Amino acid sequence: MPKKLSTTNYFVNRLNTYKEQEILMSSPEECVLHLYDAAIQSCTMGQEERAGKALAALIDALDHNADGEIAAGFFRLYEYCLNLIHRQQFENSSKILRGLRQAWHEAIAAQVAA
């Protein structure tokens, strides 16, 4: 006989399915926002491994061929945030990531407006 899911588990599963669909339908620029959100949320919750994975994905998303100097700058910032996270300084890392996320969000908005 199948095990019944609690109401909470049911809604969490539905929310996860919705979030997964949202990410799959996102543009590459929006995917970067999702990664920032995951990293920030993980820092807020003190989840070192999850925050590290989100930052690793942000590092992997850098395009060093398009503009190596800008990519190198982001790489250094992400690496610094990783070091902060490994030292359990989640608040400092989160503050940096929030600023980067805001700038990225504004860049997307400006691109759409143009």
PDB file of N, CA and C in Angstrom:
ATOM      1  N   MET A   1       0.841  -1.172   0.000  1.00  0.00           N
ATOM      2  CA  MET A   1       0.000   0.000   0.000  1.00  0.00           C
ATOM      3  C   MET A   1       0.890   1.240   0.000  1.00  0.00           C
ATOM      4  N   PRO A   2       0.648   2.207  -0.930  1.00  0.00           N
ATOM      5  CA  PRO A   2       1.506   3.390  -0.997  1.00  0.00           C
ATOM      6  C   PRO A   2       1.381   4.241   0.251  1.00  0.00           C
ATOM      7  N   LYS A   3       2.506   4.817   0.613  1.00  0.00           N
ATOM      8  CA  LYS A   3       2.565   5.668   1.797  1.00  0.00           C
ATOM      9  C   LYS A   3       1.943   7.021   1.466  1.00  0.00           C
ATOM     10  N   LYS A   4       1.089   7.514   2.348  1.00  0.00           N
ATOM     11  CA  LYS A   4       0.464   8.812   2.150  1.00  0.00           C
ATOM     12  C   LYS A   4       1.451   9.917   2.482  1.00  0.00           C
ATOM     13  N   LEU A   5       1.443  10.950   1.648  1.00  0.00           N
ATOM     14  CA  LEU A   5       2.266  12.118   1.926  1.00  0.00           C
ATOM     15  C   LEU A   5       1.506  13.052   2.859  1.00  0.00           C
ATOM     16  N   SER A   6       2.212  13.651   3.767  1.00  0.00           N
ATOM     17  CA  SER A   6       1.567  14.650   4.612  1.00  0.00           C
ATOM     18  C   SER A   6       1.229  15.859   3.758  1.00  0.00           C
ATOM     19  N   THR A   7       0.347  16.685   4.257  1.00  0.00           N
ATOM     20  CA  THR A   7      -0.046  17.888   3.527  1.00  0.00           C
ATOM     21  C   THR A   7       1.167  18.767   3.261  1.00  0.00           C
ATOM     22  N   THR A   8       2.041  18.911   4.232  1.00  0.00           N
ATOM     23  CA  THR A   8       3.246  19.726   4.067  1.00  0.00           C
ATOM     24  C   THR A   8       4.131  19.156   2.969  1.00  0.00           C
ATOM     25  N   ASN A   9       4.367  17.851   3.002  1.00  0.00           N
ATOM     26  CA  ASN A   9       5.194  17.227   1.961  1.00  0.00           C
ATOM     27  C   ASN A   9       4.572  17.388   0.584  1.00  0.00           C
ATOM     28  N   TYR A  10       3.266  17.278   0.513  1.00  0.00           N
ATOM     29  CA  TYR A  10       2.569  17.439  -0.766  1.00  0.00           C
ATOM     30  C   TYR A  10       2.841  18.823  -1.345  1.00  0.00           C
ATOM     31  N   PHE A  11       2.675  19.866  -0.515  1.00  0.00           N
ATOM     32  CA  PHE A  11       2.880  21.228  -0.998  1.00  0.00           C
ATOM     33  C   PHE A  11       4.345  21.512  -1.314  1.00  0.00           C
ATOM     34  N   VAL A  12       5.251  20.956  -0.547  1.00  0.00           N
ATOM     35  CA  VAL A  12       6.679  21.112  -0.837  1.00  0.00           C
ATOM     36  C   VAL A  12       7.009  20.461  -2.173  1.00  0.00           C
ATOM     37  N   ASN A  13       6.477  19.270  -2.422  1.00  0.00           N
ATOM     38  CA  ASN A  13       6.710  18.597  -3.700  1.00  0.00           C
ATOM     39  C   ASN A  13       6.139  19.398  -4.859  1.00  0.00           C
ATOM     40  N   ARG A  14       4.945  19.957  -4.677  1.00  0.00           N
ATOM     41  CA  ARG A  14       4.327  20.779  -5.728  1.00  0.00           C
ATOM     42  C   ARG A  14       5.151  22.041  -5.984  1.00  0.00           C
ATOM     43  N   LEU A  15       5.623  22.662  -4.921  1.00  0.00           N
ATOM     44  CA  LEU A  15       6.443  23.863  -5.052  1.00  0.00           C
ATOM     45  C   LEU A  15       7.745  23.539  -5.772  1.00  0.00           C
ATOM     46  N   ASN A  16       8.375  22.424  -5.428  1.00  0.00           N
ATOM     47  CA  ASN A  16       9.611  22.014  -6.095  1.00  0.00           C
ATOM     48  C   ASN A  16       9.378  21.764  -7.573  1.00  0.00           C
ATOM     49  N   THR A  17       8.258  21.136  -7.921  1.00  0.00           N
ATOM     50  CA  THR A  17       7.925  20.885  -9.322  1.00  0.00           C
ATOM     51  C   THR A  17       7.740  22.204 -10.059  1.00  0.00           C
ATOM     52  N   TYR A  18       7.033  23.144  -9.433  1.00  0.00           N
ATOM     53  CA  TYR A  18       6.821  24.458 -10.032  1.00  0.00           C
ATOM     54  C   TYR A  18       8.154  25.167 -10.252  1.00  0.00           C
ATOM     55  N   LYS A  19       9.008  25.153  -9.240  1.00  0.00           N
ATOM     56  CA  LYS A  19      10.317  25.822  -9.333  1.00  0.00           C
ATOM     57  C   LYS A  19      11.165  25.192 -10.432  1.00  0.00           C
ATOM     58  N   GLU A  20      11.120  23.870 -10.522  1.00  0.00           N
ATOM     59  CA  GLU A  20      11.879  23.172 -11.563  1.00  0.00           C
ATOM     60  C   GLU A  20      11.410  23.598 -12.952  1.00  0.00           C
ATOM     61  N   GLN A  21      10.103  23.687 -13.160  1.00  0.00           N
ATOM     62  CA  GLN A  21       9.563  24.119 -14.444  1.00  0.00           C
ATOM     63  C   GLN A  21       9.949  25.566 -14.745  1.00  0.00           C
ATOM     64  N   GLU A  22       9.917  26.407 -13.726  1.00  0.00           N
ATOM     65  CA  GLU A  22      10.295  27.808 -13.891  1.00  0.00           C
ATOM     66  C   GLU A  22      11.751  27.914 -14.360  1.00  0.00           C
ATOM     67  N   ILE A  23      12.618  27.143 -13.760  1.00  0.00           N
ATOM     68  CA  ILE A  23      14.039  27.178 -14.123  1.00  0.00           C
ATOM     69  C   ILE A  23      14.251  26.646 -15.537  1.00  0.00           C
ATOM     70  N   LEU A  24      13.571  25.554 -15.873  1.00  0.00           N
ATOM     71  CA  LEU A  24      13.724  24.967 -17.207  1.00  0.00           C
ATOM     72  C   LEU A  24      13.266  25.915 -18.311  1.00  0.00           C
ATOM     73  N   MET A  25      12.329  26.797 -17.997  1.00  0.00           N
ATOM     74  CA  MET A  25      11.804  27.725 -18.997  1.00  0.00           C
ATOM     75  C   MET A  25      12.508  29.078 -18.963  1.00  0.00           C
ATOM     76  N   SER A  26      13.503  29.237 -18.118  1.00  0.00           N
ATOM     77  CA  SER A  26      14.207  30.513 -17.958  1.00  0.00           C
ATOM     78  C   SER A  26      15.239  30.723 -19.059  1.00  0.00           C
ATOM     79  N   SER A  27      15.489  31.992 -19.321  1.00  0.00           N
ATOM     80  CA  SER A  27      16.579  32.359 -20.221  1.00  0.00           C
ATOM     81  C   SER A  27      17.896  32.135 -19.487  1.00  0.00           C
ATOM     82  N   PRO A  28      19.008  32.114 -20.203  1.00  0.00           N
ATOM     83  CA  PRO A  28      20.299  31.983 -19.511  1.00  0.00           C
ATOM     84  C   PRO A  28      20.530  33.086 -18.477  1.00  0.00           C
ATOM     85  N   GLU A  29      20.090  34.292 -18.796  1.00  0.00           N
ATOM     86  CA  GLU A  29      20.249  35.402 -17.856  1.00  0.00           C
ATOM     87  C   GLU A  29      19.424  35.170 -16.584  1.00  0.00           C
ATOM     88  N   GLU A  30      18.218  34.651 -16.756  1.00  0.00           N
ATOM     89  CA  GLU A  30      17.364  34.364 -15.606  1.00  0.00           C
ATOM     90  C   GLU A  30      17.917  33.193 -14.792  1.00  0.00           C
ATOM     91  N   CYS A  31      18.572  32.253 -15.455  1.00  0.00           N
ATOM     92  CA  CYS A  31      19.191  31.136 -14.738  1.00  0.00           C
ATOM     93  C   CYS A  31      20.268  31.639 -13.787  1.00  0.00           C
ATOM     94  N   VAL A  32      21.000  32.652 -14.199  1.00  0.00           N
ATOM     95  CA  VAL A  32      22.012  33.240 -13.320  1.00  0.00           C
ATOM     96  C   VAL A  32      21.330  33.845 -12.085  1.00  0.00           C
ATOM     97  N   LEU A  33      20.181  34.499 -12.286  1.00  0.00           N
ATOM     98  CA  LEU A  33      19.435  35.026 -11.138  1.00  0.00           C
ATOM     99  C   LEU A  33      19.033  33.899 -10.188  1.00  0.00           C
ATOM    100  N   HIS A  34      18.598  32.773 -10.746  1.00  0.00           N
ATOM    101  CA  HIS A  34      18.221  31.627  -9.909  1.00  0.00           C
ATOM    102  C   HIS A  34      19.419  31.117  -9.112  1.00  0.00           C
ATOM    103  N   LEU A  35      20.590  31.114  -9.734  1.00  0.00           N
ATOM    104  CA  LEU A  35      21.794  30.677  -9.017  1.00  0.00           C
ATOM    105  C   LEU A  35      22.139  31.636  -7.885  1.00  0.00           C
ATOM    106  N   TYR A  36      22.014  32.937  -8.160  1.00  0.00           N
ATOM    107  CA  TYR A  36      22.229  33.914  -7.085  1.00  0.00           C
ATOM    108  C   TYR A  36      21.236  33.671  -5.950  1.00  0.00           C
ATOM    109  N   ASP A  37      19.972  33.456  -6.304  1.00  0.00           N
ATOM    110  CA  ASP A  37      18.952  33.215  -5.285  1.00  0.00           C
ATOM    111  C   ASP A  37      19.295  31.986  -4.443  1.00  0.00           C
ATOM    112  N   ALA A  38      19.736  30.925  -5.103  1.00  0.00           N
ATOM    113  CA  ALA A  38      20.090  29.695  -4.379  1.00  0.00           C
ATOM    114  C   ALA A  38      21.273  29.939  -3.446  1.00  0.00           C
ATOM    115  N   ALA A  39      22.269  30.660  -3.927  1.00  0.00           N
ATOM    116  CA  ALA A  39      23.447  30.942  -3.098  1.00  0.00           C
ATOM    117  C   ALA A  39      23.075  31.813  -1.905  1.00  0.00           C
ATOM    118  N   ILE A  40      22.268  32.837  -2.139  1.00  0.00           N
ATOM    119  CA  ILE A  40      21.856  33.748  -1.067  1.00  0.00           C
ATOM    120  C   ILE A  40      21.017  33.002  -0.030  1.00  0.00           C
ATOM    121  N   GLN A  41      20.054  32.229  -0.507  1.00  0.00           N
ATOM    122  CA  GLN A  41      19.202  31.466   0.406  1.00  0.00           C
ATOM    123  C   GLN A  41      20.035  30.474   1.226  1.00  0.00           C
ATOM    124  N   SER A  42      20.985  29.843   0.583  1.00  0.00           N
ATOM    125  CA  SER A  42      21.846  28.881   1.281  1.00  0.00           C
ATOM    126  C   SER A  42      22.695  29.572   2.340  1.00  0.00           C
ATOM    127  N   CYS A  43      23.182  30.758   2.031  1.00  0.00           N
ATOM    128  CA  CYS A  43      23.945  31.517   3.028  1.00  0.00           C
ATOM    129  C   CYS A  43      23.047  31.885   4.205  1.00  0.00           C
ATOM    130  N   THR A  44      21.834  32.314   3.911  1.00  0.00           N
ATOM    131  CA  THR A  44      20.890  32.679   4.961  1.00  0.00           C
ATOM    132  C   THR A  44      20.613  31.499   5.888  1.00  0.00           C
ATOM    133  N   MET A  45      20.574  30.304   5.316  1.00  0.00           N
ATOM    134  CA  MET A  45      20.278  29.103   6.092  1.00  0.00           C
ATOM    135  C   MET A  45      21.543  28.435   6.642  1.00  0.00           C
ATOM    136  N   GLY A  46      22.715  28.999   6.324  1.00  0.00           N
ATOM    137  CA  GLY A  46      23.974  28.446   6.819  1.00  0.00           C
ATOM    138  C   GLY A  46      24.321  27.103   6.199  1.00  0.00           C
ATOM    139  N   GLN A  47      23.926  26.915   4.945  1.00  0.00           N
ATOM    140  CA  GLN A  47      24.164  25.651   4.248  1.00  0.00           C
ATOM    141  C   GLN A  47      25.408  25.778   3.367  1.00  0.00           C
ATOM    142  N   GLU A  48      26.537  25.420   3.942  1.00  0.00           N
ATOM    143  CA  GLU A  48      27.825  25.582   3.257  1.00  0.00           C
ATOM    144  C   GLU A  48      27.888  24.815   1.942  1.00  0.00           C
ATOM    145  N   GLU A  49      27.500  23.557   1.944  1.00  0.00           N
ATOM    146  CA  GLU A  49      27.622  22.732   0.742  1.00  0.00           C
ATOM    147  C   GLU A  49      26.747  23.257  -0.394  1.00  0.00           C
ATOM    148  N   ARG A  50      25.506  23.599  -0.075  1.00  0.00           N
ATOM    149  CA  ARG A  50      24.589  24.083  -1.108  1.00  0.00           C
ATOM    150  C   ARG A  50      25.044  25.444  -1.656  1.00  0.00           C
ATOM    151  N   ALA A  51      25.491  26.320  -0.772  1.00  0.00           N
ATOM    152  CA  ALA A  51      25.986  27.625  -1.216  1.00  0.00           C
ATOM    153  C   ALA A  51      27.210  27.445  -2.106  1.00  0.00           C
ATOM    154  N   GLY A  52      28.079  26.529  -1.722  1.00  0.00           N
ATOM    155  CA  GLY A  52      29.268  26.244  -2.527  1.00  0.00           C
ATOM    156  C   GLY A  52      28.916  25.724  -3.906  1.00  0.00           C
ATOM    157  N   LYS A  53      27.897  24.879  -3.982  1.00  0.00           N
ATOM    158  CA  LYS A  53      27.463  24.349  -5.285  1.00  0.00           C
ATOM    159  C   LYS A  53      26.894  25.453  -6.171  1.00  0.00           C
ATOM    160  N   ALA A  54      26.132  26.359  -5.577  1.00  0.00           N
ATOM    161  CA  ALA A  54      25.574  27.472  -6.355  1.00  0.00           C
ATOM    162  C   ALA A  54      26.694  28.371  -6.868  1.00  0.00           C
ATOM    163  N   LEU A  55      27.684  28.637  -6.027  1.00  0.00           N
ATOM    164  CA  LEU A  55      28.815  29.459  -6.465  1.00  0.00           C
ATOM    165  C   LEU A  55      29.646  28.736  -7.525  1.00  0.00           C
ATOM    166  N   ALA A  56      29.808  27.436  -7.387  1.00  0.00           N
ATOM    167  CA  ALA A  56      30.531  26.669  -8.401  1.00  0.00           C
ATOM    168  C   ALA A  56      29.804  26.758  -9.740  1.00  0.00           C
ATOM    169  N   ALA A  57      28.483  26.725  -9.711  1.00  0.00           N
ATOM    170  CA  ALA A  57      27.706  26.849 -10.953  1.00  0.00           C
ATOM    171  C   ALA A  57      27.853  28.246 -11.543  1.00  0.00           C
ATOM    172  N   LEU A  58      27.894  29.275 -10.686  1.00  0.00           N
ATOM    173  CA  LEU A  58      28.124  30.633 -11.189  1.00  0.00           C
ATOM    174  C   LEU A  58      29.503  30.747 -11.829  1.00  0.00           C
ATOM    175  N   ILE A  59      30.487  30.119 -11.225  1.00  0.00           N
ATOM    176  CA  ILE A  59      31.844  30.123 -11.797  1.00  0.00           C
ATOM    177  C   ILE A  59      31.845  29.410 -13.140  1.00  0.00           C
ATOM    178  N   ASP A  60      31.175  28.267 -13.221  1.00  0.00           N
ATOM    179  CA  ASP A  60      31.105  27.513 -14.475  1.00  0.00           C
ATOM    180  C   ASP A  60      30.401  28.291 -15.582  1.00  0.00           C
ATOM    181  N   ALA A  61      29.492  29.192 -15.197  1.00  0.00           N
ATOM    182  CA  ALA A  61      28.732  29.965 -16.180  1.00  0.00           C
ATOM    183  C   ALA A  61      29.534  31.130 -16.771  1.00  0.00           C
ATOM    184  N   LEU A  62      30.670  31.440 -16.188  1.00  0.00           N
ATOM    185  CA  LEU A  62      31.476  32.557 -16.706  1.00  0.00           C
ATOM    186  C   LEU A  62      32.002  32.234 -18.095  1.00  0.00           C
ATOM    187  N   ASP A  63      31.953  33.234 -18.971  1.00  0.00           N
ATOM    188  CA  ASP A  63      32.462  33.084 -20.337  1.00  0.00           C
ATOM    189  C   ASP A  63      33.751  33.890 -20.456  1.00  0.00           C
ATOM    190  N   HIS A  64      34.867  33.215 -20.251  1.00  0.00           N
ATOM    191  CA  HIS A  64      36.164  33.894 -20.292  1.00  0.00           C
ATOM    192  C   HIS A  64      36.550  34.320 -21.699  1.00  0.00           C
ATOM    193  N   ASN A  65      35.915  33.743 -22.712  1.00  0.00           N
ATOM    194  CA  ASN A  65      36.230  34.103 -24.096  1.00  0.00           C
ATOM    195  C   ASN A  65      35.539  35.391 -24.525  1.00  0.00           C
ATOM    196  N   ALA A  66      34.353  35.667 -23.999  1.00  0.00           N
ATOM    197  CA  ALA A  66      33.606  36.857 -24.404  1.00  0.00           C
ATOM    198  C   ALA A  66      34.275  38.129 -23.885  1.00  0.00           C
ATOM    199  N   ASP A  67      34.582  38.166 -22.618  1.00  0.00           N
ATOM    200  CA  ASP A  67      35.282  39.306 -22.030  1.00  0.00           C
ATOM    201  C   ASP A  67      36.054  38.802 -20.816  1.00  0.00           C
ATOM    202  N   GLY A  68      37.275  38.394 -21.078  1.00  0.00           N
ATOM    203  CA  GLY A  68      38.088  37.762 -20.050  1.00  0.00           C
ATOM    204  C   GLY A  68      38.305  38.603 -18.816  1.00  0.00           C
ATOM    205  N   GLU A  69      38.433  39.917 -18.972  1.00  0.00           N
ATOM    206  CA  GLU A  69      38.700  40.778 -17.823  1.00  0.00           C
ATOM    207  C   GLU A  69      37.494  40.829 -16.884  1.00  0.00           C
ATOM    208  N   ILE A  70      36.305  40.950 -17.449  1.00  0.00           N
ATOM    209  CA  ILE A  70      35.090  40.981 -16.629  1.00  0.00           C
ATOM    210  C   ILE A  70      34.878  39.621 -15.969  1.00  0.00           C
ATOM    211  N   ALA A  71      35.038  38.553 -16.737  1.00  0.00           N
ATOM    212  CA  ALA A  71      34.880  37.202 -16.192  1.00  0.00           C
ATOM    213  C   ALA A  71      35.885  36.959 -15.068  1.00  0.00           C
ATOM    214  N   ALA A  72      37.103  37.430 -15.238  1.00  0.00           N
ATOM    215  CA  ALA A  72      38.127  37.257 -14.206  1.00  0.00           C
ATOM    216  C   ALA A  72      37.738  38.000 -12.930  1.00  0.00           C
ATOM    217  N   GLY A  73      37.133  39.175 -13.068  1.00  0.00           N
ATOM    218  CA  GLY A  73      36.674  39.926 -11.910  1.00  0.00           C
ATOM    219  C   GLY A  73      35.571  39.188 -11.158  1.00  0.00           C
ATOM    220  N   PHE A  74      34.612  38.654 -11.908  1.00  0.00           N
ATOM    221  CA  PHE A  74      33.551  37.871 -11.275  1.00  0.00           C
ATOM    222  C   PHE A  74      34.125  36.626 -10.622  1.00  0.00           C
ATOM    223  N   PHE A  75      35.081  35.988 -11.291  1.00  0.00           N
ATOM    224  CA  PHE A  75      35.700  34.789 -10.723  1.00  0.00           C
ATOM    225  C   PHE A  75      36.320  35.099  -9.364  1.00  0.00           C
ATOM    226  N   ARG A  76      37.031  36.216  -9.279  1.00  0.00           N
ATOM    227  CA  ARG A  76      37.655  36.596  -8.010  1.00  0.00           C
ATOM    228  C   ARG A  76      36.606  36.860  -6.922  1.00  0.00           C
ATOM    229  N   LEU A  77      35.511  37.514  -7.297  1.00  0.00           N
ATOM    230  CA  LEU A  77      34.444  37.764  -6.324  1.00  0.00           C
ATOM    231  C   LEU A  77      33.798  36.457  -5.848  1.00  0.00           C
ATOM    232  N   TYR A  78      33.521  35.568  -6.785  1.00  0.00           N
ATOM    233  CA  TYR A  78      32.911  34.284  -6.424  1.00  0.00           C
ATOM    234  C   TYR A  78      33.861  33.456  -5.556  1.00  0.00           C
ATOM    235  N   GLU A  79      35.127  33.482  -5.898  1.00  0.00           N
ATOM    236  CA  GLU A  79      36.125  32.748  -5.117  1.00  0.00           C
ATOM    237  C   GLU A  79      36.215  33.327  -3.701  1.00  0.00           C
ATOM    238  N   TYR A  80      36.169  34.637  -3.589  1.00  0.00           N
ATOM    239  CA  TYR A  80      36.184  35.286  -2.277  1.00  0.00           C
ATOM    240  C   TYR A  80      34.954  34.878  -1.458  1.00  0.00           C
ATOM    241  N   CYS A  81      33.784  34.864  -2.107  1.00  0.00           N
ATOM    242  CA  CYS A  81      32.558  34.439  -1.426  1.00  0.00           C
ATOM    243  C   CYS A  81      32.670  32.989  -0.964  1.00  0.00           C
ATOM    244  N   LEU A  82      33.252  32.140  -1.789  1.00  0.00           N
ATOM    245  CA  LEU A  82      33.459  30.744  -1.391  1.00  0.00           C
ATOM    246  C   LEU A  82      34.345  30.654  -0.154  1.00  0.00           C
ATOM    247  N   ASN A  83      35.399  31.437  -0.134  1.00  0.00           N
ATOM    248  CA  ASN A  83      36.288  31.454   1.034  1.00  0.00           C
ATOM    249  C   ASN A  83      35.548  31.929   2.284  1.00  0.00           C
ATOM    250  N   LEU A  84      34.700  32.936   2.139  1.00  0.00           N
ATOM    251  CA  LEU A  84      33.905  33.408   3.275  1.00  0.00           C
ATOM    252  C   LEU A  84      32.979  32.308   3.778  1.00  0.00           C
ATOM    253  N   ILE A  85      32.359  31.610   2.855  1.00  0.00           N
ATOM    254  CA  ILE A  85      31.430  30.533   3.222  1.00  0.00           C
ATOM    255  C   ILE A  85      32.174  29.418   3.950  1.00  0.00           C
ATOM    256  N   HIS A  86      33.340  29.057   3.462  1.00  0.00           N
ATOM    257  CA  HIS A  86      34.124  28.004   4.114  1.00  0.00           C
ATOM    258  C   HIS A  86      34.555  28.414   5.524  1.00  0.00           C
ATOM    259  N   ARG A  87      34.630  29.728   5.753  1.00  0.00           N
ATOM    260  CA  ARG A  87      34.972  30.222   7.094  1.00  0.00           C
ATOM    261  C   ARG A  87      33.714  30.532   7.908  1.00  0.00           C
ATOM    262  N   GLN A  88      32.552  30.072   7.387  1.00  0.00           N
ATOM    263  CA  GLN A  88      31.261  30.251   8.060  1.00  0.00           C
ATOM    264  C   GLN A  88      30.858  31.720   8.185  1.00  0.00           C
ATOM    265  N   GLN A  89      31.336  32.560   7.287  1.00  0.00           N
ATOM    266  CA  GLN A  89      30.976  33.980   7.274  1.00  0.00           C
ATOM    267  C   GLN A  89      29.882  34.198   6.226  1.00  0.00           C
ATOM    268  N   PHE A  90      28.748  33.552   6.473  1.00  0.00           N
ATOM    269  CA  PHE A  90      27.647  33.551   5.510  1.00  0.00           C
ATOM    270  C   PHE A  90      27.073  34.943   5.268  1.00  0.00           C
ATOM    271  N   GLU A  91      26.983  35.741   6.308  1.00  0.00           N
ATOM    272  CA  GLU A  91      26.385  37.068   6.162  1.00  0.00           C
ATOM    273  C   GLU A  91      27.211  37.944   5.217  1.00  0.00           C
ATOM    274  N   ASN A  92      28.531  37.901   5.348  1.00  0.00           N
ATOM    275  CA  ASN A  92      29.392  38.699   4.468  1.00  0.00           C
ATOM    276  C   ASN A  92      29.273  38.236   3.022  1.00  0.00           C
ATOM    277  N   SER A  93      29.254  36.932   2.814  1.00  0.00           N
ATOM    278  CA  SER A  93      29.113  36.394   1.469  1.00  0.00           C
ATOM    279  C   SER A  93      27.750  36.769   0.892  1.00  0.00           C
ATOM    280  N   SER A  94      26.718  36.647   1.704  1.00  0.00           N
ATOM    281  CA  SER A  94      25.361  36.966   1.259  1.00  0.00           C
ATOM    282  C   SER A  94      25.250  38.430   0.838  1.00  0.00           C
ATOM    283  N   LYS A  95      25.889  39.319   1.579  1.00  0.00           N
ATOM    284  CA  LYS A  95      25.841  40.752   1.252  1.00  0.00           C
ATOM    285  C   LYS A  95      26.444  41.013  -0.132  1.00  0.00           C
ATOM    286  N   ILE A  96      27.561  40.393  -0.415  1.00  0.00           N
ATOM    287  CA  ILE A  96      28.204  40.545  -1.724  1.00  0.00           C
ATOM    288  C   ILE A  96      27.307  39.976  -2.815  1.00  0.00           C
ATOM    289  N   LEU A  97      26.778  38.781  -2.579  1.00  0.00           N
ATOM    290  CA  LEU A  97      25.934  38.118  -3.574  1.00  0.00           C
ATOM    291  C   LEU A  97      24.647  38.901  -3.834  1.00  0.00           C
ATOM    292  N   ARG A  98      24.095  39.516  -2.796  1.00  0.00           N
ATOM    293  CA  ARG A  98      22.884  40.337  -2.990  1.00  0.00           C
ATOM    294  C   ARG A  98      23.181  41.529  -3.904  1.00  0.00           C
ATOM    295  N   GLY A  99      24.331  42.146  -3.695  1.00  0.00           N
ATOM    296  CA  GLY A  99      24.706  43.264  -4.549  1.00  0.00           C
ATOM    297  C   GLY A  99      24.910  42.836  -5.994  1.00  0.00           C
ATOM    298  N   LEU A 100      25.569  41.707  -6.181  1.00  0.00           N
ATOM    299  CA  LEU A 100      25.777  41.191  -7.538  1.00  0.00           C
ATOM    300  C   LEU A 100      24.454  40.819  -8.197  1.00  0.00           C
ATOM    301  N   ARG A 101      23.558  40.198  -7.408  1.00  0.00           N
ATOM    302  CA  ARG A 101      22.261  39.813  -7.948  1.00  0.00           C
ATOM    303  C   ARG A 101      21.473  41.045  -8.386  1.00  0.00           C
ATOM    304  N   GLN A 102      21.495  42.094  -7.566  1.00  0.00           N
ATOM    305  CA  GLN A 102      20.781  43.322  -7.892  1.00  0.00           C
ATOM    306  C   GLN A 102      21.329  43.936  -9.178  1.00  0.00           C
ATOM    307  N   ALA A 103      22.640  43.972  -9.302  1.00  0.00           N
ATOM    308  CA  ALA A 103      23.259  44.521 -10.521  1.00  0.00           C
ATOM    309  C   ALA A 103      22.877  43.685 -11.737  1.00  0.00           C
ATOM    310  N   TRP A 104      22.867  42.364 -11.593  1.00  0.00           N
ATOM    311  CA  TRP A 104      22.512  41.472 -12.694  1.00  0.00           C
ATOM    312  C   TRP A 104      21.046  41.691 -13.086  1.00  0.00           C
ATOM    313  N   HIS A 105      20.180  41.818 -12.088  1.00  0.00           N
ATOM    314  CA  HIS A 105      18.763  42.053 -12.335  1.00  0.00           C
ATOM    315  C   HIS A 105      18.560  43.376 -13.104  1.00  0.00           C
ATOM    316  N   GLU A 106      19.262  44.411 -12.693  1.00  0.00           N
ATOM    317  CA  GLU A 106      19.174  45.705 -13.369  1.00  0.00           C
ATOM    318  C   GLU A 106      19.701  45.632 -14.793  1.00  0.00           C
ATOM    319  N   ALA A 107      20.752  44.859 -15.015  1.00  0.00           N
ATOM    320  CA  ALA A 107      21.300  44.693 -16.370  1.00  0.00           C
ATOM    321  C   ALA A 107      20.290  44.000 -17.272  1.00  0.00           C
ATOM    322  N   ILE A 108      19.605  43.001 -16.744  1.00  0.00           N
ATOM    323  CA  ILE A 108      18.580  42.300 -17.537  1.00  0.00           C
ATOM    324  C   ILE A 108      17.445  43.256 -17.867  1.00  0.00           C
ATOM    325  N   ALA A 109      16.995  44.034 -16.891  1.00  0.00           N
ATOM    326  CA  ALA A 109      15.911  44.982 -17.099  1.00  0.00           C
ATOM    327  C   ALA A 109      16.296  46.022 -18.161  1.00  0.00           C
ATOM    328  N   ALA A 110      17.538  46.496 -18.109  1.00  0.00           N
ATOM    329  CA  ALA A 110      18.001  47.487 -19.098  1.00  0.00           C
ATOM    330  C   ALA A 110      18.060  46.865 -20.481  1.00  0.00           C
ATOM    331  N   GLN A 111      18.470  45.608 -20.569  1.00  0.00           N
ATOM    332  CA  GLN A 111      18.533  44.919 -21.851  1.00  0.00           C
ATOM    333  C   GLN A 111      17.138  44.747 -22.447  1.00  0.00           C
ATOM    334  N   VAL A 112      16.180  44.397 -21.608  1.00  0.00           N
ATOM    335  CA  VAL A 112      14.804  44.218 -22.071  1.00  0.00           C
ATOM    336  C   VAL A 112      14.210  45.544 -22.532  1.00  0.00           C
ATOM    337  N   ALA A 113      14.527  46.629 -21.808  1.00  0.00           N
ATOM    338  CA  ALA A 113      14.004  47.951 -22.133  1.00  0.00           C
ATOM    339  C   ALA A 113      14.581  48.504 -23.434  1.00  0.00           C
ATOM    340  N   ALA A 114      15.783  48.066 -23.785  1.00  0.00           N
ATOM    341  CA  ALA A 114      16.448  48.610 -24.990  1.00  0.00           C
ATOM    342  C   ALA A 114      15.895  48.046 -26.280  1.00  0.00           C
TER     343      ALA A 114
END
